[in-house]
N, C-alpha and C. Protein backbone atom coordinates (compact mmCIF):
# COMPACT_ATOMS: atom_id res chain seq x y z
N MET A 1 -24.29 9.83 -16.90
CA MET A 1 -23.98 11.25 -16.78
C MET A 1 -22.47 11.48 -16.72
N THR A 2 -21.77 10.58 -16.01
CA THR A 2 -20.33 10.72 -15.88
C THR A 2 -19.65 10.64 -17.24
N ARG A 3 -20.12 9.73 -18.09
CA ARG A 3 -19.52 9.59 -19.42
C ARG A 3 -19.73 10.84 -20.26
N VAL A 4 -20.91 11.44 -20.15
CA VAL A 4 -21.19 12.66 -20.91
C VAL A 4 -20.24 13.77 -20.48
N VAL A 5 -20.05 13.92 -19.19
CA VAL A 5 -19.15 14.94 -18.68
C VAL A 5 -17.72 14.67 -19.16
N LEU A 6 -17.31 13.41 -19.13
CA LEU A 6 -15.97 13.07 -19.60
C LEU A 6 -15.80 13.33 -21.09
N VAL A 7 -16.81 13.01 -21.89
CA VAL A 7 -16.75 13.27 -23.33
C VAL A 7 -16.62 14.77 -23.58
N VAL A 8 -17.43 15.56 -22.89
CA VAL A 8 -17.37 17.02 -23.05
C VAL A 8 -15.99 17.54 -22.63
N TRP A 9 -15.50 17.07 -21.49
CA TRP A 9 -14.21 17.51 -20.99
C TRP A 9 -13.09 17.14 -21.96
N LEU A 10 -13.06 15.90 -22.42
CA LEU A 10 -12.02 15.47 -23.35
C LEU A 10 -12.10 16.22 -24.68
N THR A 11 -13.31 16.49 -25.13
CA THR A 11 -13.49 17.24 -26.37
C THR A 11 -12.98 18.67 -26.21
N LEU A 12 -13.33 19.31 -25.10
CA LEU A 12 -12.83 20.66 -24.84
C LEU A 12 -11.31 20.68 -24.74
N LEU A 13 -10.75 19.69 -24.09
CA LEU A 13 -9.31 19.60 -23.98
C LEU A 13 -8.66 19.46 -25.36
N TRP A 14 -9.28 18.65 -26.21
CA TRP A 14 -8.79 18.46 -27.57
C TRP A 14 -8.79 19.78 -28.35
N VAL A 15 -9.87 20.52 -28.24
CA VAL A 15 -9.98 21.80 -28.96
C VAL A 15 -8.96 22.79 -28.41
N VAL A 16 -8.77 22.82 -27.11
CA VAL A 16 -7.78 23.73 -26.51
C VAL A 16 -6.38 23.38 -27.00
N LEU A 17 -6.09 22.10 -27.08
CA LEU A 17 -4.77 21.69 -27.55
C LEU A 17 -4.52 22.10 -29.00
N TRP A 18 -5.58 22.09 -29.81
CA TRP A 18 -5.44 22.51 -31.20
C TRP A 18 -5.47 24.03 -31.34
N ARG A 19 -5.93 24.73 -30.30
CA ARG A 19 -5.99 26.20 -30.26
C ARG A 19 -6.87 26.80 -31.35
N GLU A 20 -7.87 26.05 -31.76
CA GLU A 20 -8.78 26.55 -32.79
C GLU A 20 -10.12 25.82 -32.66
N VAL A 21 -11.18 26.61 -32.54
CA VAL A 21 -12.52 26.03 -32.51
C VAL A 21 -13.01 25.92 -33.94
N SER A 22 -13.16 24.69 -34.39
CA SER A 22 -13.66 24.45 -35.73
C SER A 22 -14.51 23.18 -35.69
N LEU A 23 -15.31 23.01 -36.72
CA LEU A 23 -16.15 21.83 -36.80
C LEU A 23 -15.30 20.56 -36.86
N ALA A 24 -14.19 20.61 -37.58
CA ALA A 24 -13.30 19.45 -37.68
C ALA A 24 -12.68 19.11 -36.33
N ASN A 25 -12.25 20.13 -35.58
CA ASN A 25 -11.67 19.87 -34.27
C ASN A 25 -12.71 19.33 -33.29
N LEU A 26 -13.93 19.88 -33.34
CA LEU A 26 -14.99 19.37 -32.47
C LEU A 26 -15.33 17.92 -32.81
N ALA A 27 -15.47 17.62 -34.09
CA ALA A 27 -15.81 16.25 -34.51
C ALA A 27 -14.70 15.27 -34.16
N SER A 28 -13.47 15.66 -34.44
CA SER A 28 -12.36 14.75 -34.12
C SER A 28 -12.20 14.61 -32.61
N GLY A 29 -12.45 15.68 -31.86
CA GLY A 29 -12.39 15.62 -30.40
C GLY A 29 -13.44 14.67 -29.85
N LEU A 30 -14.66 14.74 -30.39
CA LEU A 30 -15.71 13.82 -29.96
C LEU A 30 -15.34 12.37 -30.29
N ALA A 31 -14.80 12.16 -31.48
CA ALA A 31 -14.41 10.81 -31.87
C ALA A 31 -13.29 10.27 -30.97
N ILE A 32 -12.29 11.10 -30.72
CA ILE A 32 -11.18 10.68 -29.85
C ILE A 32 -11.70 10.41 -28.44
N ALA A 33 -12.56 11.28 -27.92
CA ALA A 33 -13.11 11.09 -26.58
C ALA A 33 -13.88 9.78 -26.50
N ALA A 34 -14.68 9.47 -27.52
CA ALA A 34 -15.45 8.22 -27.52
C ALA A 34 -14.52 7.02 -27.52
N VAL A 35 -13.48 7.06 -28.34
CA VAL A 35 -12.54 5.94 -28.40
C VAL A 35 -11.81 5.78 -27.06
N VAL A 36 -11.37 6.89 -26.48
CA VAL A 36 -10.67 6.83 -25.20
C VAL A 36 -11.56 6.20 -24.14
N LEU A 37 -12.84 6.60 -24.10
CA LEU A 37 -13.74 6.04 -23.09
C LEU A 37 -14.10 4.59 -23.37
N LEU A 38 -14.06 4.18 -24.61
CA LEU A 38 -14.28 2.76 -24.91
C LEU A 38 -13.08 1.91 -24.51
N VAL A 39 -11.90 2.41 -24.79
CA VAL A 39 -10.68 1.66 -24.47
C VAL A 39 -10.37 1.72 -22.98
N PHE A 40 -10.59 2.88 -22.38
CA PHE A 40 -10.32 3.07 -20.95
C PHE A 40 -11.60 3.52 -20.25
N PRO A 41 -12.52 2.60 -19.97
CA PRO A 41 -13.77 3.00 -19.33
C PRO A 41 -13.53 3.55 -17.93
N PRO A 42 -14.36 4.51 -17.52
CA PRO A 42 -14.19 5.06 -16.18
C PRO A 42 -14.39 3.97 -15.13
N ARG A 43 -13.55 3.99 -14.13
CA ARG A 43 -13.67 3.00 -13.06
C ARG A 43 -14.85 3.36 -12.17
N GLN A 44 -15.44 2.33 -11.64
CA GLN A 44 -16.50 2.54 -10.67
C GLN A 44 -15.88 3.08 -9.40
N ALA A 45 -16.69 3.68 -8.58
CA ALA A 45 -16.18 4.23 -7.33
C ALA A 45 -15.48 3.14 -6.53
N GLU A 46 -14.29 3.45 -6.07
CA GLU A 46 -13.54 2.49 -5.28
C GLU A 46 -14.14 2.41 -3.89
N GLU A 47 -13.58 1.51 -3.10
CA GLU A 47 -14.03 1.41 -1.72
C GLU A 47 -13.62 2.64 -0.93
N HIS A 48 -12.78 3.48 -1.53
CA HIS A 48 -12.33 4.69 -0.87
C HIS A 48 -13.27 5.83 -1.26
N ASP A 49 -13.87 6.43 -0.29
CA ASP A 49 -14.78 7.55 -0.53
C ASP A 49 -14.01 8.84 -0.32
N HIS A 50 -13.32 9.28 -1.36
CA HIS A 50 -12.51 10.48 -1.25
C HIS A 50 -13.38 11.72 -1.17
N ARG A 51 -13.01 12.58 -0.24
CA ARG A 51 -13.69 13.86 -0.09
C ARG A 51 -12.64 14.93 0.11
N VAL A 52 -12.83 16.03 -0.56
CA VAL A 52 -11.93 17.16 -0.36
C VAL A 52 -12.44 17.96 0.82
N ARG A 53 -11.58 18.14 1.79
CA ARG A 53 -11.90 18.95 2.96
C ARG A 53 -11.07 20.24 2.83
N PRO A 54 -11.72 21.35 2.44
CA PRO A 54 -10.98 22.57 2.09
C PRO A 54 -10.02 23.06 3.17
N LEU A 55 -10.42 23.07 4.43
CA LEU A 55 -9.52 23.56 5.47
C LEU A 55 -8.34 22.63 5.66
N ARG A 56 -8.59 21.34 5.63
CA ARG A 56 -7.50 20.37 5.75
C ARG A 56 -6.59 20.43 4.52
N LEU A 57 -7.18 20.70 3.36
CA LEU A 57 -6.38 20.85 2.14
C LEU A 57 -5.46 22.07 2.26
N LEU A 58 -5.98 23.16 2.78
CA LEU A 58 -5.14 24.35 3.01
C LEU A 58 -4.03 24.05 4.01
N ALA A 59 -4.36 23.29 5.06
CA ALA A 59 -3.34 22.91 6.05
C ALA A 59 -2.26 22.05 5.40
N PHE A 60 -2.67 21.11 4.54
CA PHE A 60 -1.68 20.28 3.83
C PHE A 60 -0.82 21.15 2.92
N LEU A 61 -1.44 22.06 2.16
CA LEU A 61 -0.68 22.91 1.25
C LEU A 61 0.30 23.81 2.00
N ALA A 62 -0.12 24.32 3.16
CA ALA A 62 0.78 25.14 3.98
C ALA A 62 1.95 24.30 4.50
N TYR A 63 1.65 23.11 4.99
CA TYR A 63 2.69 22.19 5.47
C TYR A 63 3.66 21.85 4.33
N PHE A 64 3.11 21.50 3.18
CA PHE A 64 3.93 21.14 2.03
C PHE A 64 4.78 22.33 1.58
N GLY A 65 4.19 23.50 1.52
CA GLY A 65 4.94 24.70 1.15
C GLY A 65 6.10 24.97 2.10
N TRP A 66 5.85 24.80 3.39
CA TRP A 66 6.91 24.98 4.40
C TRP A 66 8.02 23.95 4.19
N GLN A 67 7.64 22.70 3.95
CA GLN A 67 8.64 21.65 3.73
C GLN A 67 9.49 21.95 2.49
N VAL A 68 8.86 22.44 1.44
CA VAL A 68 9.60 22.79 0.22
C VAL A 68 10.57 23.93 0.50
N LEU A 69 10.11 24.94 1.25
CA LEU A 69 10.98 26.07 1.58
C LEU A 69 12.19 25.61 2.40
N VAL A 70 11.95 24.85 3.45
CA VAL A 70 13.04 24.37 4.31
C VAL A 70 14.00 23.50 3.50
N SER A 71 13.47 22.61 2.69
CA SER A 71 14.31 21.72 1.87
C SER A 71 15.14 22.51 0.87
N ASN A 72 14.55 23.55 0.29
CA ASN A 72 15.31 24.41 -0.63
C ASN A 72 16.48 25.07 0.08
N LEU A 73 16.25 25.53 1.30
CA LEU A 73 17.33 26.16 2.07
C LEU A 73 18.43 25.17 2.40
N VAL A 74 18.07 23.95 2.75
CA VAL A 74 19.07 22.92 3.06
C VAL A 74 19.89 22.58 1.83
N VAL A 75 19.22 22.40 0.71
CA VAL A 75 19.94 22.07 -0.54
C VAL A 75 20.79 23.27 -0.98
N ALA A 76 20.28 24.48 -0.84
CA ALA A 76 21.06 25.67 -1.21
C ALA A 76 22.31 25.78 -0.33
N ARG A 77 22.16 25.50 0.96
CA ARG A 77 23.31 25.53 1.86
C ARG A 77 24.34 24.49 1.41
N GLU A 78 23.88 23.35 0.99
CA GLU A 78 24.77 22.29 0.52
C GLU A 78 25.56 22.76 -0.71
N ILE A 79 24.90 23.51 -1.56
CA ILE A 79 25.53 23.96 -2.80
C ILE A 79 26.57 25.04 -2.53
N VAL A 80 26.29 25.99 -1.64
CA VAL A 80 27.18 27.13 -1.44
C VAL A 80 28.29 26.89 -0.42
N THR A 81 28.21 25.84 0.36
CA THR A 81 29.28 25.58 1.33
C THR A 81 30.26 24.58 0.76
N ARG A 82 31.48 24.64 1.28
CA ARG A 82 32.52 23.73 0.80
C ARG A 82 32.39 22.35 1.43
N ARG A 83 31.89 22.30 2.62
CA ARG A 83 31.80 21.03 3.35
C ARG A 83 30.71 20.15 2.75
N ASP A 84 31.04 18.89 2.54
CA ASP A 84 30.09 17.94 1.97
C ASP A 84 29.33 17.26 3.11
N ARG A 85 28.05 17.57 3.21
CA ARG A 85 27.20 16.99 4.26
C ARG A 85 26.28 15.90 3.71
N ILE A 86 26.46 15.55 2.47
CA ILE A 86 25.55 14.59 1.84
C ILE A 86 25.82 13.19 2.38
N SER A 87 24.75 12.57 2.82
CA SER A 87 24.77 11.18 3.27
C SER A 87 23.47 10.58 2.77
N SER A 88 23.46 10.22 1.50
CA SER A 88 22.21 9.81 0.87
C SER A 88 21.95 8.32 1.06
N GLY A 89 20.70 7.96 0.84
CA GLY A 89 20.29 6.57 0.92
C GLY A 89 18.86 6.41 0.45
N ILE A 90 18.46 5.17 0.31
CA ILE A 90 17.09 4.86 -0.09
C ILE A 90 16.40 4.22 1.10
N VAL A 91 15.21 4.74 1.41
CA VAL A 91 14.46 4.30 2.57
C VAL A 91 13.16 3.65 2.11
N ALA A 92 12.86 2.48 2.65
CA ALA A 92 11.59 1.81 2.39
C ALA A 92 10.57 2.33 3.41
N VAL A 93 9.44 2.83 2.89
CA VAL A 93 8.42 3.42 3.77
C VAL A 93 7.10 2.70 3.54
N PRO A 94 6.61 1.94 4.52
CA PRO A 94 5.31 1.27 4.38
C PRO A 94 4.20 2.30 4.24
N MET A 95 3.26 2.03 3.34
CA MET A 95 2.16 2.96 3.08
C MET A 95 0.83 2.23 3.27
N ALA A 96 0.54 1.81 4.48
CA ALA A 96 -0.69 1.07 4.76
C ALA A 96 -1.90 1.98 4.65
N PHE A 97 -3.02 1.39 4.30
CA PHE A 97 -4.34 2.05 4.31
C PHE A 97 -4.44 3.20 3.32
N CYS A 98 -3.74 3.13 2.21
CA CYS A 98 -3.77 4.23 1.24
C CYS A 98 -4.42 3.80 -0.06
N SER A 99 -5.24 4.68 -0.58
CA SER A 99 -5.79 4.48 -1.92
C SER A 99 -4.74 4.90 -2.94
N ASP A 100 -5.00 4.59 -4.20
CA ASP A 100 -4.08 4.99 -5.26
C ASP A 100 -3.92 6.51 -5.31
N LEU A 101 -5.02 7.24 -5.10
CA LEU A 101 -4.96 8.69 -5.14
C LEU A 101 -4.05 9.24 -4.04
N VAL A 102 -4.20 8.75 -2.83
CA VAL A 102 -3.39 9.23 -1.71
C VAL A 102 -1.92 8.90 -1.94
N ILE A 103 -1.64 7.68 -2.39
CA ILE A 103 -0.25 7.30 -2.65
C ILE A 103 0.35 8.18 -3.73
N THR A 104 -0.42 8.47 -4.77
CA THR A 104 0.07 9.32 -5.85
C THR A 104 0.40 10.72 -5.34
N VAL A 105 -0.48 11.30 -4.53
CA VAL A 105 -0.23 12.64 -4.00
C VAL A 105 1.00 12.63 -3.09
N VAL A 106 1.11 11.63 -2.23
CA VAL A 106 2.27 11.54 -1.32
C VAL A 106 3.56 11.37 -2.12
N ALA A 107 3.55 10.46 -3.08
CA ALA A 107 4.76 10.21 -3.88
C ALA A 107 5.17 11.46 -4.66
N ASN A 108 4.21 12.18 -5.21
CA ASN A 108 4.54 13.40 -5.95
C ASN A 108 5.01 14.51 -5.01
N ALA A 109 4.41 14.62 -3.84
CA ALA A 109 4.86 15.63 -2.87
C ALA A 109 6.29 15.34 -2.44
N ILE A 110 6.63 14.07 -2.25
CA ILE A 110 8.00 13.71 -1.89
C ILE A 110 8.95 14.11 -3.00
N THR A 111 8.60 13.80 -4.23
CA THR A 111 9.46 14.09 -5.37
C THR A 111 9.60 15.59 -5.61
N LEU A 112 8.57 16.36 -5.33
CA LEU A 112 8.62 17.81 -5.53
C LEU A 112 9.40 18.52 -4.43
N THR A 113 9.72 17.83 -3.35
CA THR A 113 10.48 18.42 -2.26
C THR A 113 11.97 18.22 -2.53
N PRO A 114 12.74 19.30 -2.62
CA PRO A 114 14.17 19.15 -2.90
C PRO A 114 14.86 18.27 -1.87
N GLY A 115 15.73 17.39 -2.37
CA GLY A 115 16.47 16.50 -1.48
C GLY A 115 15.83 15.14 -1.31
N THR A 116 14.63 14.95 -1.84
CA THR A 116 13.97 13.65 -1.77
C THR A 116 13.41 13.30 -3.14
N LEU A 117 13.29 12.01 -3.37
CA LEU A 117 12.79 11.53 -4.65
C LEU A 117 12.15 10.17 -4.46
N THR A 118 10.92 10.04 -4.91
CA THR A 118 10.27 8.73 -4.88
C THR A 118 10.89 7.91 -6.00
N VAL A 119 11.47 6.77 -5.64
CA VAL A 119 12.17 5.94 -6.60
C VAL A 119 11.27 4.83 -7.13
N GLU A 120 10.48 4.24 -6.24
CA GLU A 120 9.68 3.09 -6.63
C GLU A 120 8.51 2.92 -5.67
N LEU A 121 7.45 2.31 -6.20
CA LEU A 121 6.31 1.91 -5.39
C LEU A 121 6.09 0.43 -5.63
N ARG A 122 6.05 -0.32 -4.56
CA ARG A 122 5.77 -1.75 -4.66
C ARG A 122 4.47 -2.04 -3.96
N ARG A 123 3.74 -3.00 -4.52
CA ARG A 123 2.48 -3.43 -3.93
C ARG A 123 2.68 -4.73 -3.17
N ASP A 124 1.79 -4.97 -2.26
CA ASP A 124 1.69 -6.26 -1.55
C ASP A 124 2.93 -6.59 -0.77
N PRO A 125 3.24 -5.93 0.29
CA PRO A 125 2.56 -4.79 0.88
C PRO A 125 2.99 -3.49 0.20
N THR A 126 2.12 -2.51 0.26
CA THR A 126 2.39 -1.22 -0.38
C THR A 126 3.55 -0.53 0.34
N THR A 127 4.61 -0.29 -0.42
CA THR A 127 5.81 0.32 0.14
C THR A 127 6.38 1.31 -0.87
N LEU A 128 6.66 2.52 -0.39
CA LEU A 128 7.35 3.52 -1.20
C LEU A 128 8.84 3.43 -0.91
N TYR A 129 9.64 3.54 -1.95
CA TYR A 129 11.08 3.62 -1.78
C TYR A 129 11.48 5.04 -2.13
N VAL A 130 12.10 5.71 -1.17
CA VAL A 130 12.40 7.13 -1.28
C VAL A 130 13.90 7.36 -1.16
N HIS A 131 14.47 8.07 -2.14
CA HIS A 131 15.87 8.48 -2.05
C HIS A 131 15.92 9.77 -1.25
N VAL A 132 16.79 9.78 -0.24
CA VAL A 132 16.93 10.94 0.64
C VAL A 132 18.37 11.44 0.54
N LEU A 133 18.53 12.72 0.28
CA LEU A 133 19.86 13.31 0.11
C LEU A 133 20.61 13.41 1.44
N HIS A 134 19.91 13.81 2.49
CA HIS A 134 20.52 13.95 3.81
C HIS A 134 19.90 12.94 4.77
N LEU A 135 20.42 11.73 4.74
CA LEU A 135 19.87 10.65 5.55
C LEU A 135 20.70 10.48 6.81
N SER A 136 20.09 10.76 7.94
CA SER A 136 20.79 10.55 9.20
C SER A 136 19.99 9.65 10.14
N ASP A 137 18.67 9.62 9.98
CA ASP A 137 17.81 8.84 10.87
C ASP A 137 16.68 8.21 10.05
N LEU A 138 16.76 6.90 9.85
CA LEU A 138 15.74 6.19 9.06
C LEU A 138 14.35 6.36 9.66
N ASP A 139 14.24 6.21 10.96
CA ASP A 139 12.93 6.31 11.61
C ASP A 139 12.34 7.71 11.46
N GLN A 140 13.19 8.73 11.50
CA GLN A 140 12.69 10.10 11.33
C GLN A 140 12.17 10.32 9.92
N VAL A 141 12.84 9.77 8.93
CA VAL A 141 12.36 9.88 7.55
C VAL A 141 10.99 9.22 7.44
N ARG A 142 10.85 8.04 8.01
CA ARG A 142 9.56 7.34 7.97
C ARG A 142 8.48 8.12 8.71
N ARG A 143 8.82 8.71 9.85
CA ARG A 143 7.84 9.52 10.59
C ARG A 143 7.43 10.75 9.78
N ASP A 144 8.39 11.39 9.12
CA ASP A 144 8.08 12.57 8.30
C ASP A 144 7.14 12.21 7.15
N ILE A 145 7.40 11.08 6.52
CA ILE A 145 6.53 10.66 5.41
C ILE A 145 5.17 10.21 5.93
N ARG A 146 5.14 9.60 7.09
CA ARG A 146 3.86 9.24 7.72
C ARG A 146 3.06 10.51 8.05
N THR A 147 3.72 11.55 8.51
CA THR A 147 3.04 12.83 8.77
C THR A 147 2.46 13.38 7.47
N LEU A 148 3.23 13.35 6.41
CA LEU A 148 2.75 13.79 5.10
C LEU A 148 1.55 12.96 4.67
N GLN A 149 1.64 11.65 4.85
CA GLN A 149 0.54 10.76 4.49
C GLN A 149 -0.73 11.11 5.27
N ARG A 150 -0.61 11.33 6.56
CA ARG A 150 -1.77 11.69 7.38
C ARG A 150 -2.40 13.00 6.90
N LYS A 151 -1.57 13.98 6.58
CA LYS A 151 -2.10 15.26 6.12
C LYS A 151 -2.83 15.10 4.79
N VAL A 152 -2.30 14.26 3.91
CA VAL A 152 -2.97 14.02 2.62
C VAL A 152 -4.30 13.30 2.86
N VAL A 153 -4.29 12.27 3.70
CA VAL A 153 -5.54 11.54 3.98
C VAL A 153 -6.56 12.48 4.61
N ARG A 154 -6.13 13.32 5.53
CA ARG A 154 -7.06 14.28 6.15
C ARG A 154 -7.61 15.26 5.12
N ALA A 155 -6.81 15.61 4.12
CA ALA A 155 -7.24 16.59 3.12
C ALA A 155 -8.15 15.98 2.06
N ILE A 156 -7.85 14.76 1.60
CA ILE A 156 -8.61 14.20 0.47
C ILE A 156 -9.03 12.76 0.67
N GLY A 157 -8.72 12.16 1.80
CA GLY A 157 -9.02 10.75 2.00
C GLY A 157 -10.39 10.51 2.61
N SER A 158 -10.69 9.25 2.77
CA SER A 158 -11.96 8.86 3.38
C SER A 158 -11.83 8.88 4.89
N ALA A 159 -12.95 8.99 5.56
CA ALA A 159 -12.97 8.95 7.02
C ALA A 159 -12.49 7.59 7.50
N HIS A 160 -12.85 6.55 6.77
CA HIS A 160 -12.44 5.19 7.13
C HIS A 160 -10.92 5.06 7.07
N ALA A 161 -10.30 5.58 6.01
CA ALA A 161 -8.85 5.51 5.87
C ALA A 161 -8.16 6.28 6.98
N LEU A 162 -8.70 7.43 7.35
CA LEU A 162 -8.12 8.22 8.42
C LEU A 162 -8.22 7.50 9.75
N ALA A 163 -9.35 6.87 10.02
CA ALA A 163 -9.52 6.12 11.26
C ALA A 163 -8.52 4.97 11.33
N LEU A 164 -8.35 4.26 10.22
CA LEU A 164 -7.38 3.16 10.19
C LEU A 164 -5.96 3.66 10.38
N LEU A 165 -5.65 4.76 9.74
CA LEU A 165 -4.30 5.32 9.81
C LEU A 165 -3.99 5.80 11.22
N ASP A 166 -4.95 6.47 11.86
CA ASP A 166 -4.73 6.98 13.21
C ASP A 166 -4.69 5.86 14.25
N ALA A 167 -5.42 4.78 14.01
CA ALA A 167 -5.49 3.69 14.98
C ALA A 167 -4.29 2.76 14.90
N SER A 168 -3.61 2.74 13.77
CA SER A 168 -2.53 1.79 13.58
C SER A 168 -1.20 2.37 14.03
N PRO A 169 -0.34 1.51 14.60
CA PRO A 169 1.01 1.99 14.86
C PRO A 169 1.77 2.10 13.56
N LEU A 170 2.85 2.83 13.59
CA LEU A 170 3.68 2.99 12.40
C LEU A 170 4.28 1.63 12.04
N PRO A 171 3.92 1.08 10.86
CA PRO A 171 4.50 -0.20 10.49
C PRO A 171 5.99 -0.08 10.24
N THR A 172 6.70 -1.13 10.56
CA THR A 172 8.12 -1.15 10.28
C THR A 172 8.37 -1.92 9.02
N VAL A 173 9.58 -1.82 8.51
CA VAL A 173 9.91 -2.54 7.29
C VAL A 173 9.82 -4.05 7.56
N GLU A 174 10.17 -4.49 8.75
CA GLU A 174 10.07 -5.90 9.08
C GLU A 174 8.61 -6.37 9.04
N ASP A 175 7.68 -5.48 9.42
CA ASP A 175 6.25 -5.83 9.40
C ASP A 175 5.75 -6.01 7.99
N THR A 176 6.39 -5.39 7.01
CA THR A 176 5.90 -5.43 5.65
C THR A 176 6.57 -6.52 4.83
N SER A 177 7.52 -7.23 5.37
CA SER A 177 8.20 -8.29 4.61
C SER A 177 7.41 -9.57 4.58
């Protein structure tokens, strides 16, 4: 059933991209969808049982929106003032107990927030490297990203991942080496 839904979705996407419903577009869309699913078969459900929790998702979106607003104000202040307050650096942030989906959402949220940029993700142990425009406290940056991670896990993660995240102390960079 999942493959049928994916074929229909990919075919519809193909037709939308061509902006014309025609027999040729439908046939080529079906052919492309079949090839894509043969080359890139859908993965089986991971050990992570992701669930969207609407209220927690709204809480995450509100938190993220507030962070974007505050960051915009800080960057705008930096632009309009003469004094240079920039003290940038790259911070290694351990990302224990995260699925690929959670890491992707966290990394993108960091990058979408003015003044921060996800530079790299390394596996084994999973660590995000984040460029920070106004770096004054390494531990505070890690705590802020851990807060973001918790909100994402609460919004779309598994109960198991949340339990592990809440039970574990904040790993340090030395713990991940």
